[in-house]
Amino acid sequence: MTIRMRGWHALVCIAASWPLSVWAAASHVALPRGGELWLDIPAAWDEKFDSPQKGMAPGIWLTPRQGASFNVLITPISGTPMAEAVADDIKMHAIVASAARDALSHAVETTIPVQDLSGPHVHGSYFFATDRAPAAGEWKYLTQGMASIDGVPFAFTILTNDGQEAVAKGALELIRNASYHRTNS
């Protein structure tokens, strides 16, 4: 299994342990189709709305300001064929489960369970997988899923390496506590 952004971003294509001092105030990210996604992004993370690789849908891309590399990508999927699936929890879970099954052929794990993701404004599903043989410059761990945030569909991918368990946990909490706010156009 080669963990690259394009290989693991299949869902778009088909912190509790952190001290409070590392969290920034809520960031309001304007989305291209309208509205804002509100996220509590850690102060040590950079954010931009961009595509990490050519051919990938743009999303909210979070990376470290310094230190070991990681990537968190939260991609709005409104207006795509995938968006309809997120409106139905059963379909959303099935899509995430299919991505988890696809990851098995390259994963250390022999089974990859799909977990629920719930928060005040969020419901979704995700899975975690470990790359059996990551190449140099690639990530070893993947957390990937889909979520409806205040009824607006998003896909997410979290890529980390050894020693970054707090990053993955913090990113899931960031998504779990996200909210979407419509803007007047």
Protein backbone atom coordinates (compact mmCIF):
# COMPACT_ATOMS: atom_id res chain seq x y z
CA MET A 1 0.00 0.00 0.00
CA THR A 2 1.50 3.24 -1.05
CA ILE A 3 0.12 6.07 1.01
CA ARG A 4 0.13 9.05 -1.26
CA MET A 5 -2.47 11.75 -1.30
CA ARG A 6 -3.88 10.62 -4.63
CA GLY A 7 -3.99 6.94 -3.65
CA TRP A 8 -5.70 7.54 -0.35
CA HIS A 9 -8.09 10.28 -1.34
CA ALA A 10 -10.44 7.67 -2.78
CA LEU A 11 -13.48 8.95 -0.93
CA VAL A 12 -13.47 12.22 -2.86
CA CYS A 13 -12.75 10.45 -6.05
CA ILE A 14 -15.25 7.58 -5.65
CA ALA A 15 -6.80 16.20 20.67
CA ALA A 16 -8.49 15.52 23.57
CA SER A 17 -4.99 14.77 24.86
CA TRP A 18 -3.54 18.10 23.66
CA PRO A 19 -3.25 20.98 26.10
CA LEU A 20 -5.72 23.77 25.40
CA SER A 21 -2.87 26.23 24.84
CA VAL A 22 -2.05 24.66 21.46
CA TRP A 23 -5.51 25.35 20.05
CA ALA A 24 -6.23 28.57 18.18
CA ALA A 25 -9.54 30.36 18.11
CA ALA A 26 -12.08 29.05 15.64
CA SER A 27 -10.99 29.54 12.06
CA HIS A 28 -13.73 30.42 9.58
CA VAL A 29 -12.85 28.96 6.19
CA ALA A 30 -14.92 30.35 3.30
CA LEU A 31 -15.91 27.61 0.88
CA PRO A 32 -16.11 28.16 -2.89
CA ARG A 33 -19.79 27.16 -3.15
CA GLY A 34 -20.73 29.43 -0.26
CA GLY A 35 -20.82 29.11 3.48
CA GLU A 36 -18.04 28.79 6.02
CA LEU A 37 -16.62 25.79 7.79
CA TRP A 38 -15.68 26.67 11.37
CA LEU A 39 -12.79 24.67 12.77
CA ASP A 40 -10.68 24.95 15.92
CA ILE A 41 -7.31 24.67 14.19
CA PRO A 42 -4.27 24.28 16.47
CA ALA A 43 -2.01 27.34 16.51
CA ALA A 44 0.94 25.17 15.36
CA TRP A 45 -0.85 24.17 12.14
CA ASP A 46 -0.99 26.04 8.83
CA GLU A 47 -4.20 26.14 6.85
CA LYS A 48 -5.02 26.92 3.26
CA PHE A 49 -7.78 26.12 0.81
CA ASP A 50 -5.98 24.33 -1.98
CA SER A 51 -5.43 21.03 -3.73
CA PRO A 52 -2.37 19.15 -2.45
CA GLN A 53 -1.88 17.48 -5.83
CA LYS A 54 -2.88 18.22 -9.40
CA GLY A 55 -6.12 16.47 -10.26
CA MET A 56 -7.43 16.40 -6.69
CA ALA A 57 -10.39 18.42 -5.52
CA PRO A 58 -9.37 21.40 -3.40
CA GLY A 59 -10.06 21.32 0.28
CA ILE A 60 -8.98 22.70 3.60
CA TRP A 61 -5.40 21.54 3.80
CA LEU A 62 -3.75 21.52 7.22
CA THR A 63 0.00 20.98 7.66
CA PRO A 64 2.50 21.65 10.45
CA ARG A 65 4.13 25.09 10.65
CA GLN A 66 7.32 23.26 11.59
CA GLY A 67 8.44 19.78 12.54
CA ALA A 68 7.54 16.40 11.14
CA SER A 69 5.26 16.37 8.11
CA PHE A 70 1.59 15.42 8.28
CA ASN A 71 -1.42 16.25 6.15
CA VAL A 72 -5.06 16.76 7.04
CA LEU A 73 -7.39 17.39 4.12
CA ILE A 74 -11.07 18.21 4.61
CA THR A 75 -12.79 18.37 1.25
CA PRO A 76 -16.26 19.79 0.67
CA ILE A 77 -18.17 17.52 -1.70
CA SER A 78 -21.35 19.57 -2.16
CA GLY A 79 -22.47 19.54 -5.76
CA THR A 80 -20.70 16.25 -6.55
CA PRO A 81 -22.27 12.83 -7.12
CA MET A 82 -20.75 11.77 -3.78
CA ALA A 83 -22.74 14.47 -1.93
CA GLU A 84 -26.00 12.56 -2.17
CA ALA A 85 -24.44 9.58 -0.39
CA VAL A 86 -23.48 11.62 2.65
CA ALA A 87 -27.10 12.66 3.18
CA ASP A 88 -27.89 9.02 3.97
CA ASP A 89 -25.90 7.59 6.90
CA ILE A 90 -26.22 4.02 5.61
CA LYS A 91 -24.83 4.93 2.16
CA MET A 92 -22.08 7.04 3.70
CA HIS A 93 -21.04 4.17 5.97
CA ALA A 94 -21.04 1.79 2.98
CA ILE A 95 -18.77 4.11 0.95
CA VAL A 96 -16.31 4.40 3.85
CA ALA A 97 -16.45 0.62 4.41
CA SER A 98 -15.67 0.07 0.72
CA ALA A 99 -12.63 2.37 0.99
CA ALA A 100 -11.52 0.45 4.09
CA ARG A 101 -11.79 -2.86 2.21
CA ASP A 102 -9.72 -1.37 -0.64
CA ALA A 103 -7.02 -0.39 1.87
CA LEU A 104 -6.75 -3.94 3.26
CA SER A 105 -4.56 -5.22 0.44
CA HIS A 106 -1.73 -2.89 1.49
CA ALA A 107 -2.41 -2.61 5.20
CA VAL A 108 -0.78 -4.21 8.21
CA GLU A 109 -4.25 -4.81 9.66
CA THR A 110 -6.15 -7.94 8.68
CA THR A 111 -9.46 -6.20 9.31
CA ILE A 112 -10.22 -2.50 9.21
CA PRO A 113 -13.31 -1.60 11.19
CA VAL A 114 -15.33 1.47 10.33
CA GLN A 115 -15.92 3.78 13.29
CA ASP A 116 -18.70 6.29 13.86
CA LEU A 117 -17.82 9.96 14.13
CA SER A 118 -20.35 12.08 16.02
CA GLY A 119 -20.26 15.59 17.37
CA PRO A 120 -22.61 18.45 18.08
CA HIS A 121 -22.96 19.27 14.35
CA VAL A 122 -21.32 16.21 12.81
CA HIS A 123 -22.20 12.64 11.95
CA GLY A 124 -20.07 10.39 9.83
CA SER A 125 -17.78 7.37 9.58
CA TYR A 126 -14.05 6.78 9.32
CA PHE A 127 -11.39 4.07 9.36
CA PHE A 128 -7.73 3.79 10.30
CA ALA A 129 -5.08 1.81 8.39
CA THR A 130 -1.32 1.25 8.61
CA ASP A 131 0.73 1.03 5.41
CA ARG A 132 2.62 -2.25 5.34
CA ALA A 133 5.59 -0.81 3.43
CA PRO A 134 5.56 2.98 3.03
CA ALA A 135 8.11 4.34 0.59
CA ALA A 136 10.43 7.17 1.59
CA GLY A 137 8.52 10.43 1.88
CA GLU A 138 5.14 8.74 2.25
CA TRP A 139 2.97 8.38 5.33
CA LYS A 140 2.58 5.25 7.37
CA TYR A 141 -0.85 5.91 8.91
CA LEU A 142 -4.14 6.82 7.30
CA THR A 143 -7.37 7.93 8.89
CA GLN A 144 -10.05 8.55 6.27
CA GLY A 145 -13.78 9.07 6.22
CA MET A 146 -16.82 11.12 5.35
CA ALA A 147 -18.96 13.39 7.47
CA SER A 148 -22.04 15.52 7.25
CA ILE A 149 -21.37 18.80 9.04
CA ASP A 150 -24.64 20.63 9.66
CA GLY A 151 -26.03 18.76 6.64
CA VAL A 152 -23.13 19.68 4.33
CA PRO A 153 -21.02 16.74 3.05
CA PHE A 154 -17.26 16.51 3.48
CA ALA A 155 -14.60 13.84 2.94
CA PHE A 156 -11.46 13.84 5.06
CA THR A 157 -8.02 12.28 5.02
CA ILE A 158 -5.43 12.37 7.81
CA LEU A 159 -1.90 11.20 6.95
CA THR A 160 0.70 10.77 9.71
CA ASN A 161 3.82 8.87 10.70
CA ASP A 162 5.21 7.33 13.89
CA GLY A 163 5.00 9.59 16.92
CA GLN A 164 2.08 11.61 15.54
CA GLU A 165 -0.79 9.86 17.27
CA ALA A 166 -1.77 13.18 18.92
CA VAL A 167 -1.98 14.82 15.47
CA ALA A 168 -4.43 12.18 14.21
CA LYS A 169 -6.45 12.32 17.41
CA GLY A 170 -6.47 16.14 17.32
CA ALA A 171 -7.55 16.18 13.66
CA LEU A 172 -10.47 13.84 14.39
CA GLU A 173 -11.53 16.08 17.28
CA LEU A 174 -11.25 19.12 15.01
CA ILE A 175 -13.63 17.44 12.53
CA ARG A 176 -15.92 16.11 15.30
CA ASN A 177 -16.34 19.66 16.64
CA ALA A 178 -16.64 21.45 13.28
CA SER A 179 -19.68 23.43 12.27
CA TYR A 180 -20.94 24.84 8.99
CA HIS A 181 -22.46 28.30 8.69
CA ARG A 182 -24.39 29.47 5.69
CA THR A 183 -23.54 32.90 4.39
CA ASN A 184 -25.88 35.30 2.64
CA SER A 185 -24.95 35.66 -1.00
